[in-house]
Amino acid sequence: MKRRVFTTIAALVVAFVVGSAVAYAQAQPVTVDITFPFVAGGKEMAAEKYTFEVTPARAVVVRGLGGPGTSGVVLPIITLLGRHDKDTDPEFVFDKINGKLLLSEVWMPGQDGLLVLATKGPHEHAVSGGSNPTK
C-alpha cells in the first residue's frame, strides 16, 4: 500500500515538472533592439540588441549581443500575466522611476506575460515592441 501511494505521488511530481518545462520551452528566444539604457535585475543595461529566453526554471535570461563586455542577467519570474490582446510580437514593459527605466514585464510572442519586477507606489510605463510601443 505504501509503495503504491509513493509511486502515485512520484508520478504526479514528474508529470507536473515535465508539464511545466514543456510549457516554458514553447516560448522561443527572441532578439530585439532596445534603443535606450535600462535596468534589469538591478543591473544597468546599455542600449543594444538583446536576446530574451524563458527557461524551464521559471526565469528570463537576458543576454546582450553587443560584443565583449556586454551585459547579461537572469530574472526570476514573479508571476504570469494574462494576455489581453492577440499581439504576436514580443513586448517589454519598463517602469519609470527617478528617471530610470526598469524592466518589469516580458511578453513573448503569443504567450502570457511574465512579471519580473513588481514596483510599489505610483509610476509610469514605457513599452518597447508589441503593436503599440511608447516611450
Protein backbone atom coordinates (compact mmCIF):
# COMPACT_ATOMS: atom_id res chain seq x y z
CA MET A 1 0.00 0.00 0.00
CA LYS A 2 2.77 2.46 0.94
CA ARG A 3 4.61 1.63 -2.25
CA ARG A 4 1.54 2.37 -4.38
CA VAL A 5 1.00 5.74 -2.69
CA PHE A 6 4.68 6.65 -3.10
CA THR A 7 4.64 5.62 -6.77
CA THR A 8 1.49 7.67 -7.42
CA ILE A 9 2.94 10.76 -5.74
CA ALA A 10 6.25 10.37 -7.61
CA ALA A 11 4.40 10.05 -10.93
CA LEU A 12 2.37 13.20 -10.22
CA VAL A 13 5.50 15.18 -9.34
CA VAL A 14 7.25 14.05 -12.53
CA ALA A 15 4.18 14.91 -14.63
CA PHE A 16 3.99 18.38 -13.06
CA VAL A 17 7.70 19.12 -13.59
CA VAL A 18 7.71 17.85 -17.18
CA GLY A 19 4.48 19.70 -17.97
CA SER A 20 5.88 22.96 -16.61
CA ALA A 21 9.11 22.53 -18.56
CA VAL A 22 7.21 21.88 -21.79
CA ALA A 23 5.00 24.95 -21.27
CA TYR A 24 8.02 27.23 -20.77
CA ALA A 25 10.06 25.56 -23.51
CA GLN A 26 7.42 26.55 -26.07
CA ALA A 27 8.46 30.21 -25.88
CA GLN A 28 11.29 30.54 -28.40
CA PRO A 29 14.09 33.01 -27.65
CA VAL A 30 13.61 36.42 -29.26
CA THR A 31 16.17 39.03 -30.30
CA VAL A 32 15.22 42.69 -30.00
CA ASP A 33 16.94 46.05 -30.22
CA ILE A 34 16.35 48.03 -27.03
CA THR A 35 17.18 51.59 -28.09
CA PHE A 36 17.62 53.09 -24.62
CA PRO A 37 19.54 52.19 -21.44
CA PHE A 38 17.54 50.35 -18.78
CA VAL A 39 17.90 48.42 -15.53
CA ALA A 40 17.15 44.68 -15.29
CA GLY A 41 17.51 42.80 -12.02
CA GLY A 42 19.34 45.77 -10.51
CA LYS A 43 21.93 45.75 -13.32
CA GLU A 44 22.49 48.68 -15.70
CA MET A 45 21.96 47.58 -19.30
CA ALA A 46 23.15 49.58 -22.32
CA ALA A 47 21.06 50.36 -25.40
CA GLU A 48 21.81 47.42 -27.72
CA LYS A 49 20.42 44.18 -29.15
CA TYR A 50 19.38 41.54 -26.60
CA THR A 51 18.07 38.01 -26.64
CA PHE A 52 15.32 37.12 -24.20
CA GLU A 53 14.79 33.47 -23.33
CA VAL A 54 12.40 31.82 -20.86
CA THR A 55 13.89 28.84 -19.02
CA PRO A 56 12.10 25.81 -17.55
CA ALA A 57 13.37 27.02 -14.15
CA ARG A 58 10.89 29.93 -14.25
CA ALA A 59 13.38 32.63 -15.19
CA VAL A 60 14.01 35.02 -18.06
CA VAL A 61 17.59 35.14 -19.34
CA VAL A 62 18.57 38.45 -20.94
CA ARG A 63 21.81 38.49 -22.96
CA GLY A 64 23.40 41.47 -24.68
CA LEU A 65 24.67 40.91 -28.22
CA GLY A 66 26.97 43.92 -28.47
CA GLY A 67 30.24 42.04 -28.25
CA PRO A 68 32.82 41.89 -25.44
CA GLY A 69 31.75 43.49 -22.19
CA THR A 70 28.03 43.27 -22.94
CA SER A 71 25.60 42.66 -20.12
CA GLY A 72 23.52 39.66 -19.21
CA VAL A 73 21.18 38.88 -16.34
CA VAL A 74 18.81 36.15 -15.12
CA LEU A 75 15.44 37.44 -13.88
CA PRO A 76 13.20 35.22 -11.74
CA ILE A 77 9.56 35.18 -12.86
CA ILE A 78 7.32 36.56 -10.11
CA THR A 79 4.03 35.58 -11.75
CA LEU A 80 2.28 35.11 -15.08
CA LEU A 81 0.20 37.94 -16.55
CA GLY A 82 -2.91 37.12 -18.59
CA ARG A 83 -2.73 38.18 -22.23
CA HIS A 84 -5.40 40.75 -23.06
CA ASP A 85 -4.77 41.01 -26.81
CA LYS A 86 -3.81 38.88 -29.81
CA ASP A 87 -0.41 40.53 -30.28
CA THR A 88 2.16 38.09 -31.69
CA ASP A 89 5.15 40.44 -31.35
CA PRO A 90 7.46 40.46 -28.32
CA GLU A 91 6.77 43.32 -25.92
CA PHE A 92 8.73 44.71 -22.98
CA VAL A 93 7.30 46.99 -20.29
CA PHE A 94 9.54 49.26 -18.24
CA ASP A 95 8.62 51.07 -15.02
CA LYS A 96 9.80 54.70 -15.00
CA ILE A 97 11.27 55.55 -11.59
CA ASN A 98 13.53 58.52 -10.78
CA GLY A 99 14.47 58.97 -14.44
CA LYS A 100 15.39 55.30 -14.94
CA LEU A 101 13.62 52.59 -16.91
CA LEU A 102 13.35 49.28 -15.03
CA LEU A 103 12.33 46.15 -16.92
CA SER A 104 9.15 44.86 -15.29
CA GLU A 105 7.24 42.74 -17.83
CA VAL A 106 8.34 40.43 -20.64
CA TRP A 107 5.75 39.37 -23.24
CA MET A 108 6.98 36.64 -25.55
CA PRO A 109 5.16 36.19 -28.90
CA GLY A 110 1.75 34.56 -28.44
CA GLN A 111 2.37 33.82 -24.72
CA ASP A 112 1.11 35.20 -21.43
CA GLY A 113 3.24 37.94 -19.91
CA LEU A 114 5.93 37.40 -17.30
CA LEU A 115 6.24 39.78 -14.36
CA VAL A 116 9.93 40.15 -13.43
CA LEU A 117 9.66 43.29 -11.25
CA ALA A 118 6.77 44.44 -9.07
CA THR A 119 7.11 48.16 -8.36
CA LYS A 120 5.26 49.51 -5.34
CA GLY A 121 3.89 53.00 -5.47
CA PRO A 122 2.91 55.23 -8.37
CA HIS A 123 4.98 55.11 -11.54
CA GLU A 124 4.69 55.46 -15.30
CA HIS A 125 5.40 52.89 -18.00
CA ALA A 126 7.37 52.74 -21.23
CA VAL A 127 6.70 49.97 -23.74
CA SER A 128 9.12 48.60 -26.32
CA GLY A 129 7.91 46.27 -29.05
CA GLY A 130 4.41 44.92 -29.43
CA SER A 131 1.83 46.56 -31.65
CA ASN A 132 1.68 49.85 -29.70
CA PRO A 133 5.12 50.83 -28.33
CA THR A 134 5.51 54.03 -26.27
CA LYS A 135 8.44 55.69 -24.55
